[in-house]
Amino acid sequence: MADVAEGLVPPPAVDQTGNLTIWWVPTIADVSAPKAATEIGAAGAFRLTYSFTEDGWDFDVSQDKNADARLTLKQPLEALGSSKISLKTLKYVESSAAGSANVVLVEGTSGYFVERAGVANSSLAAAAQKVRVIPVTLGKQNPGPRDGSGKFTVVQEVAVTGVVGAPVALAA
């Protein structure tokens, strides 16, 4: 495409507010094609989005750069190395309500977080929607910071136990 001056109108974008859903799903047979009805919508799978605090759901993504030095080359080159995707410490509200993160995310349990971005949180999971599948094992639930304001919270470490790939389409 030929170079064209940018106009005053930026490209469209989707707001994060109200357009992010996080599920806890105990089992997924094929992480490259999770099933909307029988896995995401199954008994034992829970929407946890509103249990998390604003700083309680956060990816830590990095990629190594390796030196690619060449004989007599004055400028060292670089090559991209392995990438690391992990979840920072989870933080969510303390609650005894069935289906809350505090009740669902039991220490030592393995399963999957499924994240859907760019679709209204009020929408049910449906075939062809893109989701990111994150296989994890859950750590110990500990009391969150106590500062005399806000809600009581829980903090929990989580270990990513499998490859986290690009978003995939939900299967029917």
N, C-alpha and C. Protein backbone atom coordinates (compact mmCIF):
# COMPACT_ATOMS: atom_id res chain seq x y z
N MET A 1 0.84 -1.17 0.00
CA MET A 1 0.00 0.00 0.00
C MET A 1 0.89 1.24 0.00
N ALA A 2 0.50 2.22 -0.73
CA ALA A 2 1.25 3.47 -0.79
C ALA A 2 1.18 4.20 0.54
N ASP A 3 2.18 5.02 0.82
CA ASP A 3 2.20 5.82 2.03
C ASP A 3 1.09 6.87 1.94
N VAL A 4 0.25 6.90 2.97
CA VAL A 4 -0.85 7.85 3.02
C VAL A 4 -0.79 8.56 4.36
N ALA A 5 -0.95 9.86 4.37
CA ALA A 5 -0.92 10.63 5.62
C ALA A 5 -2.06 10.18 6.52
N GLU A 6 -1.76 10.10 7.82
CA GLU A 6 -2.80 9.74 8.78
C GLU A 6 -3.77 10.90 8.94
N GLY A 7 -5.04 10.58 9.02
CA GLY A 7 -6.05 11.61 9.24
C GLY A 7 -6.18 11.92 10.72
N LEU A 8 -7.20 12.62 11.06
CA LEU A 8 -7.43 12.99 12.45
C LEU A 8 -8.19 11.92 13.22
N VAL A 9 -8.64 10.89 12.53
CA VAL A 9 -9.44 9.85 13.17
C VAL A 9 -8.57 8.62 13.42
N PRO A 10 -8.35 8.27 14.68
CA PRO A 10 -7.55 7.08 14.97
C PRO A 10 -8.33 5.81 14.64
N PRO A 11 -7.64 4.68 14.56
CA PRO A 11 -8.35 3.43 14.29
C PRO A 11 -9.29 3.08 15.44
N PRO A 12 -10.38 2.40 15.16
CA PRO A 12 -11.32 2.04 16.22
C PRO A 12 -10.67 1.08 17.21
N ALA A 13 -11.15 1.14 18.44
CA ALA A 13 -10.64 0.27 19.49
C ALA A 13 -11.80 -0.12 20.42
N VAL A 14 -11.63 -1.21 21.16
CA VAL A 14 -12.66 -1.69 22.07
C VAL A 14 -12.26 -1.34 23.50
N ASP A 15 -13.18 -0.77 24.26
CA ASP A 15 -12.92 -0.47 25.66
C ASP A 15 -12.74 -1.77 26.45
N GLN A 16 -11.85 -1.74 27.44
CA GLN A 16 -11.69 -2.89 28.32
C GLN A 16 -12.88 -3.01 29.28
N THR A 17 -13.40 -1.88 29.72
CA THR A 17 -14.49 -1.88 30.69
C THR A 17 -15.69 -2.66 30.15
N GLY A 18 -16.08 -3.69 30.89
CA GLY A 18 -17.23 -4.49 30.51
C GLY A 18 -16.99 -5.47 29.38
N ASN A 19 -15.75 -5.57 28.89
CA ASN A 19 -15.46 -6.41 27.73
C ASN A 19 -14.32 -7.38 27.99
N LEU A 20 -14.27 -7.93 29.19
CA LEU A 20 -13.27 -8.93 29.56
C LEU A 20 -13.94 -9.94 30.47
N THR A 21 -13.79 -11.20 30.16
CA THR A 21 -14.37 -12.26 30.98
C THR A 21 -13.29 -13.27 31.32
N ILE A 22 -13.27 -13.69 32.60
CA ILE A 22 -12.31 -14.70 33.05
C ILE A 22 -13.10 -15.85 33.67
N TRP A 23 -12.89 -17.04 33.13
CA TRP A 23 -13.51 -18.25 33.66
C TRP A 23 -12.46 -19.12 34.34
N TRP A 24 -12.87 -19.91 35.32
CA TRP A 24 -12.10 -21.02 35.84
C TRP A 24 -12.75 -22.27 35.28
N VAL A 25 -11.98 -23.09 34.57
CA VAL A 25 -12.50 -24.30 33.94
C VAL A 25 -11.64 -25.48 34.41
N PRO A 26 -12.24 -26.46 35.09
CA PRO A 26 -11.45 -27.56 35.64
C PRO A 26 -10.79 -28.46 34.58
N THR A 27 -11.49 -28.71 33.47
CA THR A 27 -10.92 -29.60 32.46
C THR A 27 -11.20 -29.07 31.05
N ILE A 28 -10.18 -29.17 30.21
CA ILE A 28 -10.32 -28.85 28.78
C ILE A 28 -9.58 -29.96 28.03
N ALA A 29 -10.28 -30.65 27.17
CA ALA A 29 -9.69 -31.78 26.45
C ALA A 29 -8.66 -31.33 25.42
N ASP A 30 -8.94 -30.24 24.71
CA ASP A 30 -8.05 -29.76 23.65
C ASP A 30 -7.93 -28.25 23.79
N VAL A 31 -6.79 -27.76 24.31
CA VAL A 31 -6.63 -26.33 24.55
C VAL A 31 -6.61 -25.51 23.26
N SER A 32 -6.45 -26.17 22.12
CA SER A 32 -6.48 -25.44 20.85
C SER A 32 -7.90 -25.25 20.33
N ALA A 33 -8.87 -25.90 20.96
CA ALA A 33 -10.28 -25.76 20.57
C ALA A 33 -11.18 -26.05 21.77
N PRO A 34 -11.14 -25.21 22.81
CA PRO A 34 -12.02 -25.45 23.97
C PRO A 34 -13.48 -25.35 23.56
N LYS A 35 -14.32 -26.12 24.20
CA LYS A 35 -15.74 -26.19 23.83
C LYS A 35 -16.56 -25.20 24.66
N ALA A 36 -17.33 -24.37 23.96
CA ALA A 36 -18.13 -23.33 24.62
C ALA A 36 -19.15 -23.92 25.58
N ALA A 37 -19.91 -24.91 25.13
CA ALA A 37 -21.02 -25.42 25.94
C ALA A 37 -20.58 -26.46 26.97
N THR A 38 -19.77 -27.43 26.55
CA THR A 38 -19.49 -28.57 27.43
C THR A 38 -18.24 -28.40 28.30
N GLU A 39 -17.47 -27.35 28.09
CA GLU A 39 -16.31 -27.10 28.95
C GLU A 39 -16.44 -25.74 29.65
N ILE A 40 -16.55 -24.66 28.88
CA ILE A 40 -16.69 -23.33 29.48
C ILE A 40 -18.03 -23.23 30.21
N GLY A 41 -19.06 -23.82 29.64
CA GLY A 41 -20.40 -23.76 30.24
C GLY A 41 -20.74 -24.95 31.12
N ALA A 42 -19.78 -25.81 31.42
CA ALA A 42 -20.04 -27.02 32.19
C ALA A 42 -20.19 -26.73 33.68
N ALA A 43 -20.83 -27.66 34.38
CA ALA A 43 -20.88 -27.58 35.84
C ALA A 43 -19.44 -27.65 36.34
N GLY A 44 -19.09 -26.83 37.29
CA GLY A 44 -17.73 -26.80 37.80
C GLY A 44 -16.89 -25.71 37.17
N ALA A 45 -17.35 -25.12 36.07
CA ALA A 45 -16.69 -23.96 35.47
C ALA A 45 -17.38 -22.71 36.01
N PHE A 46 -16.61 -21.68 36.31
CA PHE A 46 -17.18 -20.47 36.93
C PHE A 46 -16.61 -19.22 36.29
N ARG A 47 -17.46 -18.20 36.17
CA ARG A 47 -17.01 -16.86 35.80
C ARG A 47 -16.46 -16.20 37.07
N LEU A 48 -15.23 -15.75 36.99
CA LEU A 48 -14.60 -15.13 38.15
C LEU A 48 -14.25 -13.66 37.95
N THR A 49 -14.59 -13.11 36.82
CA THR A 49 -14.17 -11.76 36.45
C THR A 49 -14.34 -10.77 37.57
N TYR A 50 -15.53 -10.70 38.15
CA TYR A 50 -15.81 -9.67 39.13
C TYR A 50 -15.32 -10.01 40.53
N SER A 51 -14.72 -11.16 40.72
CA SER A 51 -14.05 -11.46 41.99
C SER A 51 -12.70 -10.74 42.06
N PHE A 52 -12.05 -10.56 40.90
CA PHE A 52 -10.71 -9.97 40.88
C PHE A 52 -10.76 -8.47 41.13
N THR A 53 -9.73 -7.97 41.81
CA THR A 53 -9.57 -6.53 41.98
C THR A 53 -8.93 -5.98 40.70
N GLU A 54 -8.87 -4.65 40.59
CA GLU A 54 -8.29 -4.05 39.38
C GLU A 54 -6.86 -4.50 39.13
N ASP A 55 -6.11 -4.73 40.21
CA ASP A 55 -4.71 -5.15 40.06
C ASP A 55 -4.53 -6.65 40.30
N GLY A 56 -5.64 -7.39 40.28
CA GLY A 56 -5.58 -8.80 40.64
C GLY A 56 -5.46 -9.79 39.50
N TRP A 57 -5.55 -9.32 38.28
CA TRP A 57 -5.43 -10.20 37.10
C TRP A 57 -4.45 -9.53 36.16
N ASP A 58 -3.22 -10.04 36.09
CA ASP A 58 -2.18 -9.33 35.34
C ASP A 58 -1.17 -10.32 34.78
N PHE A 59 -1.02 -10.30 33.46
CA PHE A 59 -0.01 -11.12 32.81
C PHE A 59 1.37 -10.48 32.95
N ASP A 60 2.37 -11.29 33.10
CA ASP A 60 3.76 -10.84 33.04
C ASP A 60 4.34 -11.51 31.80
N VAL A 61 4.59 -10.72 30.77
CA VAL A 61 5.05 -11.26 29.49
C VAL A 61 6.42 -10.68 29.17
N SER A 62 7.35 -11.54 28.83
CA SER A 62 8.67 -11.07 28.43
C SER A 62 9.25 -12.04 27.41
N GLN A 63 10.24 -11.56 26.67
CA GLN A 63 10.92 -12.43 25.71
C GLN A 63 12.41 -12.14 25.79
N ASP A 64 13.19 -13.20 25.86
CA ASP A 64 14.64 -13.06 25.92
C ASP A 64 15.19 -12.58 24.58
N LYS A 65 16.30 -11.85 24.68
CA LYS A 65 17.07 -11.49 23.49
C LYS A 65 18.46 -12.09 23.68
N ASN A 66 18.89 -12.82 22.69
CA ASN A 66 20.20 -13.45 22.74
C ASN A 66 21.17 -12.70 21.85
N ALA A 67 22.41 -12.64 22.29
CA ALA A 67 23.44 -11.99 21.48
C ALA A 67 23.70 -12.83 20.23
N ASP A 68 23.92 -12.14 19.14
CA ASP A 68 24.25 -12.79 17.87
C ASP A 68 25.50 -12.09 17.32
N ALA A 69 26.59 -12.22 18.07
CA ALA A 69 27.84 -11.53 17.70
C ALA A 69 28.46 -12.20 16.46
N ARG A 70 29.02 -11.38 15.59
CA ARG A 70 29.65 -11.87 14.37
C ARG A 70 31.08 -11.34 14.31
N LEU A 71 31.95 -12.15 13.78
CA LEU A 71 33.36 -11.79 13.65
C LEU A 71 33.52 -10.49 12.88
N THR A 72 34.17 -9.55 13.48
CA THR A 72 34.52 -8.21 12.97
C THR A 72 33.33 -7.27 12.75
N LEU A 73 32.13 -7.70 13.05
CA LEU A 73 30.98 -6.81 12.89
C LEU A 73 30.99 -5.79 14.03
N LYS A 74 30.94 -4.51 13.70
CA LYS A 74 31.05 -3.46 14.70
C LYS A 74 29.80 -3.35 15.57
N GLN A 75 28.67 -3.75 15.08
CA GLN A 75 27.43 -3.68 15.86
C GLN A 75 26.95 -5.09 16.16
N PRO A 76 26.89 -5.46 17.45
CA PRO A 76 26.37 -6.79 17.78
C PRO A 76 24.90 -6.90 17.36
N LEU A 77 24.55 -8.05 16.87
CA LEU A 77 23.16 -8.30 16.49
C LEU A 77 22.45 -9.02 17.63
N GLU A 78 21.14 -9.14 17.49
CA GLU A 78 20.34 -9.84 18.49
C GLU A 78 19.45 -10.86 17.79
N ALA A 79 19.11 -11.89 18.54
CA ALA A 79 18.14 -12.88 18.08
C ALA A 79 17.11 -13.05 19.18
N LEU A 80 15.88 -13.25 18.80
CA LEU A 80 14.83 -13.45 19.80
C LEU A 80 14.91 -14.85 20.37
N GLY A 81 14.80 -14.91 21.69
CA GLY A 81 14.87 -16.19 22.38
C GLY A 81 13.49 -16.61 22.88
N SER A 82 13.49 -17.39 23.93
CA SER A 82 12.24 -17.91 24.47
C SER A 82 11.42 -16.80 25.12
N SER A 83 10.12 -16.99 25.11
CA SER A 83 9.24 -16.02 25.75
C SER A 83 8.66 -16.64 27.01
N LYS A 84 8.33 -15.77 27.95
CA LYS A 84 7.80 -16.23 29.23
C LYS A 84 6.47 -15.53 29.47
N ILE A 85 5.45 -16.32 29.71
CA ILE A 85 4.14 -15.78 30.07
C ILE A 85 3.78 -16.37 31.42
N SER A 86 3.53 -15.49 32.37
CA SER A 86 3.09 -15.95 33.68
C SER A 86 2.05 -15.00 34.21
N LEU A 87 1.31 -15.46 35.17
CA LEU A 87 0.35 -14.60 35.85
C LEU A 87 1.01 -14.08 37.11
N LYS A 88 0.92 -12.78 37.33
CA LYS A 88 1.41 -12.23 38.59
C LYS A 88 0.49 -12.73 39.69
N THR A 89 0.82 -12.44 40.92
CA THR A 89 0.01 -12.85 42.05
C THR A 89 -1.45 -12.45 41.84
N LEU A 90 -2.36 -13.43 41.95
CA LEU A 90 -3.78 -13.14 41.84
C LEU A 90 -4.23 -12.37 43.08
N LYS A 91 -5.19 -11.49 42.92
CA LYS A 91 -5.76 -10.76 44.05
C LYS A 91 -7.25 -10.63 43.80
N TYR A 92 -8.04 -11.10 44.77
CA TYR A 92 -9.48 -11.06 44.61
C TYR A 92 -10.15 -10.82 45.95
N VAL A 93 -11.44 -10.46 45.90
CA VAL A 93 -12.16 -10.15 47.13
C VAL A 93 -12.40 -11.41 47.95
N GLU A 94 -12.35 -11.24 49.25
CA GLU A 94 -12.65 -12.34 50.17
C GLU A 94 -14.16 -12.49 50.21
N SER A 95 -14.65 -13.68 49.94
CA SER A 95 -16.09 -13.92 49.88
C SER A 95 -16.38 -15.39 50.12
N SER A 96 -17.49 -15.65 50.78
CA SER A 96 -17.90 -17.04 50.98
C SER A 96 -19.00 -17.45 50.01
N ALA A 97 -19.31 -16.59 49.05
CA ALA A 97 -20.36 -16.88 48.07
C ALA A 97 -19.93 -18.01 47.13
N ALA A 98 -20.84 -18.93 46.89
CA ALA A 98 -20.57 -20.01 45.94
C ALA A 98 -20.25 -19.39 44.59
N GLY A 99 -19.22 -19.87 43.93
CA GLY A 99 -18.83 -19.34 42.62
C GLY A 99 -17.87 -18.17 42.68
N SER A 100 -17.52 -17.72 43.88
CA SER A 100 -16.54 -16.64 43.99
C SER A 100 -15.14 -17.24 43.90
N ALA A 101 -14.17 -16.43 43.52
CA ALA A 101 -12.79 -16.91 43.41
C ALA A 101 -12.31 -17.48 44.74
N ASN A 102 -12.71 -16.86 45.84
CA ASN A 102 -12.29 -17.31 47.17
C ASN A 102 -12.72 -18.75 47.45
N VAL A 103 -13.86 -19.14 46.91
CA VAL A 103 -14.38 -20.50 47.12
C VAL A 103 -13.87 -21.46 46.04
N VAL A 104 -13.78 -21.00 44.82
CA VAL A 104 -13.47 -21.86 43.67
C VAL A 104 -11.98 -22.18 43.54
N LEU A 105 -11.11 -21.23 43.83
CA LEU A 105 -9.68 -21.40 43.57
C LEU A 105 -8.97 -22.07 44.75
N VAL A 106 -9.16 -23.36 44.86
CA VAL A 106 -8.66 -24.15 45.98
C VAL A 106 -7.19 -24.50 45.79
N GLU A 107 -6.40 -24.28 46.83
CA GLU A 107 -4.96 -24.57 46.80
C GLU A 107 -4.68 -25.98 46.31
N GLY A 108 -3.70 -26.10 45.42
CA GLY A 108 -3.28 -27.40 44.90
C GLY A 108 -4.07 -27.88 43.70
N THR A 109 -5.13 -27.19 43.35
CA THR A 109 -5.97 -27.58 42.22
C THR A 109 -5.32 -27.17 40.91
N SER A 110 -5.41 -28.04 39.93
CA SER A 110 -4.96 -27.71 38.58
C SER A 110 -6.18 -27.54 37.69
N GLY A 111 -6.07 -26.64 36.74
CA GLY A 111 -7.17 -26.39 35.82
C GLY A 111 -6.76 -25.31 34.84
N TYR A 112 -7.73 -24.55 34.37
CA TYR A 112 -7.48 -23.58 33.31
C TYR A 112 -8.20 -22.26 33.60
N PHE A 113 -7.48 -21.17 33.45
CA PHE A 113 -8.13 -19.88 33.33
C PHE A 113 -8.38 -19.68 31.85
N VAL A 114 -9.55 -19.21 31.52
CA VAL A 114 -9.89 -18.89 30.13
C VAL A 114 -10.26 -17.42 30.10
N GLU A 115 -9.56 -16.65 29.28
CA GLU A 115 -9.77 -15.21 29.20
C GLU A 115 -10.32 -14.86 27.83
N ARG A 116 -11.42 -14.13 27.84
CA ARG A 116 -12.02 -13.63 26.59
C ARG A 116 -11.99 -12.10 26.64
N ALA A 117 -11.37 -11.49 25.66
CA ALA A 117 -11.26 -10.04 25.62
C ALA A 117 -12.00 -9.49 24.41
N GLY A 118 -12.57 -8.31 24.56
CA GLY A 118 -13.20 -7.63 23.43
C GLY A 118 -14.65 -8.02 23.17
N VAL A 119 -15.23 -8.84 24.04
CA VAL A 119 -16.63 -9.24 23.92
C VAL A 119 -17.31 -8.85 25.24
N ALA A 120 -18.50 -8.32 25.16
CA ALA A 120 -19.22 -7.89 26.36
C ALA A 120 -19.26 -9.01 27.40
N ASN A 121 -18.96 -8.64 28.63
CA ASN A 121 -18.97 -9.62 29.71
C ASN A 121 -20.34 -10.26 29.88
N SER A 122 -21.37 -9.56 29.48
CA SER A 122 -22.73 -10.08 29.61
C SER A 122 -23.04 -11.16 28.57
N SER A 123 -22.17 -11.35 27.58
CA SER A 123 -22.39 -12.35 26.53
C SER A 123 -21.96 -13.73 27.00
N LEU A 124 -22.75 -14.73 26.68
CA LEU A 124 -22.38 -16.11 26.98
C LEU A 124 -21.29 -16.57 26.02
N ALA A 125 -20.50 -17.54 26.46
CA ALA A 125 -19.48 -18.12 25.59
C ALA A 125 -20.17 -18.75 24.37
N ALA A 126 -19.60 -18.50 23.19
CA ALA A 126 -20.19 -19.03 21.97
C ALA A 126 -19.10 -19.43 20.99
N ALA A 127 -19.43 -20.37 20.13
CA ALA A 127 -18.48 -20.84 19.13
C ALA A 127 -17.94 -19.67 18.32
N ALA A 128 -16.67 -19.76 17.97
CA ALA A 128 -15.92 -18.80 17.15
C ALA A 128 -15.37 -17.62 17.94
N GLN A 129 -15.85 -17.39 19.18
CA GLN A 129 -15.24 -16.33 19.99
C GLN A 129 -13.81 -16.73 20.33
N LYS A 130 -12.93 -15.75 20.36
CA LYS A 130 -11.52 -16.01 20.64
C LYS A 130 -11.27 -15.95 22.15
N VAL A 131 -10.52 -16.92 22.66
CA VAL A 131 -10.16 -16.98 24.08
C VAL A 131 -8.69 -17.38 24.21
N ARG A 132 -8.12 -16.99 25.33
CA ARG A 132 -6.76 -17.43 25.67
C ARG A 132 -6.90 -18.44 26.79
N VAL A 133 -6.26 -19.60 26.65
CA VAL A 133 -6.33 -20.68 27.63
C VAL A 133 -5.01 -20.72 28.40
N ILE A 134 -5.12 -20.69 29.73
CA ILE A 134 -3.94 -20.64 30.59
C ILE A 134 -3.98 -21.81 31.57
N PRO A 135 -3.19 -22.86 31.32
CA PRO A 135 -3.17 -24.01 32.24
C PRO A 135 -2.36 -23.65 33.49
N VAL A 136 -2.93 -23.92 34.67
CA VAL A 136 -2.28 -23.51 35.92
C VAL A 136 -2.47 -24.52 37.03
N THR A 137 -1.64 -24.37 38.06
CA THR A 137 -1.86 -25.00 39.35
C THR A 137 -1.91 -23.87 40.37
N LEU A 138 -2.87 -23.95 41.27
CA LEU A 138 -3.12 -22.88 42.23
C LEU A 138 -2.33 -23.05 43.51
N GLY A 139 -1.77 -21.95 44.00
CA GLY A 139 -1.03 -21.94 45.26
C GLY A 139 -1.94 -21.65 46.43
N LYS A 140 -1.32 -21.36 47.55
CA LYS A 140 -2.03 -21.11 48.81
C LYS A 140 -2.74 -19.76 48.78
N GLN A 141 -3.94 -19.74 49.36
CA GLN A 141 -4.68 -18.49 49.53
C GLN A 141 -4.20 -17.82 50.81
N ASN A 142 -3.77 -16.57 50.68
CA ASN A 142 -3.28 -15.81 51.83
C ASN A 142 -4.06 -14.51 51.96
N PRO A 143 -4.13 -13.96 53.19
CA PRO A 143 -4.82 -12.68 53.35
C PRO A 143 -4.14 -11.59 52.53
N GLY A 144 -4.93 -10.75 51.89
CA GLY A 144 -4.39 -9.63 51.13
C GLY A 144 -3.99 -8.49 52.06
N PRO A 145 -3.50 -7.41 51.49
CA PRO A 145 -3.06 -6.27 52.30
C PRO A 145 -4.18 -5.73 53.18
N ARG A 146 -3.82 -5.32 54.36
CA ARG A 146 -4.77 -4.72 55.30
C ARG A 146 -4.36 -3.26 55.50
N ASP A 147 -5.14 -2.35 54.93
CA ASP A 147 -4.79 -0.94 55.08
C ASP A 147 -5.91 -0.11 55.68
N GLY A 148 -6.97 -0.77 56.13
CA GLY A 148 -8.05 -0.06 56.79
C GLY A 148 -9.08 0.54 55.86
N SER A 149 -8.95 0.29 54.56
CA SER A 149 -9.94 0.81 53.61
C SER A 149 -10.24 -0.25 52.56
N GLY A 150 -11.33 -0.09 51.89
CA GLY A 150 -11.67 -1.03 50.83
C GLY A 150 -12.17 -2.37 51.36
N LYS A 151 -12.14 -3.37 50.51
CA LYS A 151 -12.62 -4.71 50.84
C LYS A 151 -11.47 -5.59 51.31
N PHE A 152 -11.79 -6.61 52.11
CA PHE A 152 -10.79 -7.61 52.45
C PHE A 152 -10.50 -8.41 51.18
N THR A 153 -9.24 -8.74 50.98
CA THR A 153 -8.84 -9.45 49.77
C THR A 153 -8.02 -10.68 50.10
N VAL A 154 -7.86 -11.52 49.09
CA VAL A 154 -7.03 -12.72 49.16
C VAL A 154 -5.99 -12.60 48.05
N VAL A 155 -4.75 -12.99 48.34
CA VAL A 155 -3.72 -13.06 47.32
C VAL A 155 -3.32 -14.52 47.16
N GLN A 156 -2.99 -14.91 45.94
CA GLN A 156 -2.71 -16.31 45.66
C GLN A 156 -1.71 -16.41 44.51
N GLU A 157 -0.67 -17.18 44.73
CA GLU A 157 0.28 -17.45 43.64
C GLU A 157 -0.31 -18.52 42.74
N VAL A 158 0.12 -18.50 41.50
CA VAL A 158 -0.35 -19.46 40.51
C VAL A 158 0.82 -19.81 39.61
N ALA A 159 0.98 -21.09 39.32
CA ALA A 159 2.05 -21.55 38.43
C ALA A 159 1.44 -21.91 37.08
N VAL A 160 1.97 -21.31 36.02
CA VAL A 160 1.54 -21.66 34.67
C VAL A 160 2.21 -22.99 34.33
N THR A 161 1.41 -24.00 34.00
CA THR A 161 1.91 -25.37 33.86
C THR A 161 1.95 -25.88 32.42
N GLY A 162 1.58 -25.05 31.48
CA GLY A 162 1.60 -25.46 30.08
C GLY A 162 1.80 -24.24 29.20
N VAL A 163 2.01 -24.47 27.94
CA VAL A 163 2.24 -23.39 26.98
C VAL A 163 0.97 -22.55 26.85
N VAL A 164 1.15 -21.24 26.92
CA VAL A 164 0.05 -20.30 26.69
C VAL A 164 0.24 -19.74 25.30
N GLY A 165 -0.66 -20.09 24.43
CA GLY A 165 -0.53 -19.66 23.04
C GLY A 165 -1.36 -18.44 22.73
N ALA A 166 -1.46 -18.14 21.48
CA ALA A 166 -2.30 -17.04 21.01
C ALA A 166 -3.77 -17.42 21.26
N PRO A 167 -4.65 -16.44 21.27
CA PRO A 167 -6.06 -16.75 21.43
C PRO A 167 -6.54 -17.73 20.35
N VAL A 168 -7.44 -18.62 20.76
CA VAL A 168 -8.01 -19.64 19.87
C VAL A 168 -9.52 -19.49 19.84
N ALA A 169 -10.15 -20.01 18.80
CA ALA A 169 -11.61 -19.95 18.68
C ALA A 169 -12.27 -21.03 19.52
N LEU A 170 -13.32 -20.65 20.21
CA LEU A 170 -14.11 -21.64 20.92
C LEU A 170 -14.83 -22.54 19.92
N ALA A 171 -14.91 -23.82 20.25
CA ALA A 171 -15.66 -24.77 19.44
C ALA A 171 -17.07 -24.85 20.00
N ALA A 172 -18.00 -25.34 19.21
CA ALA A 172 -19.39 -25.44 19.62
C ALA A 172 -19.61 -26.37 20.78
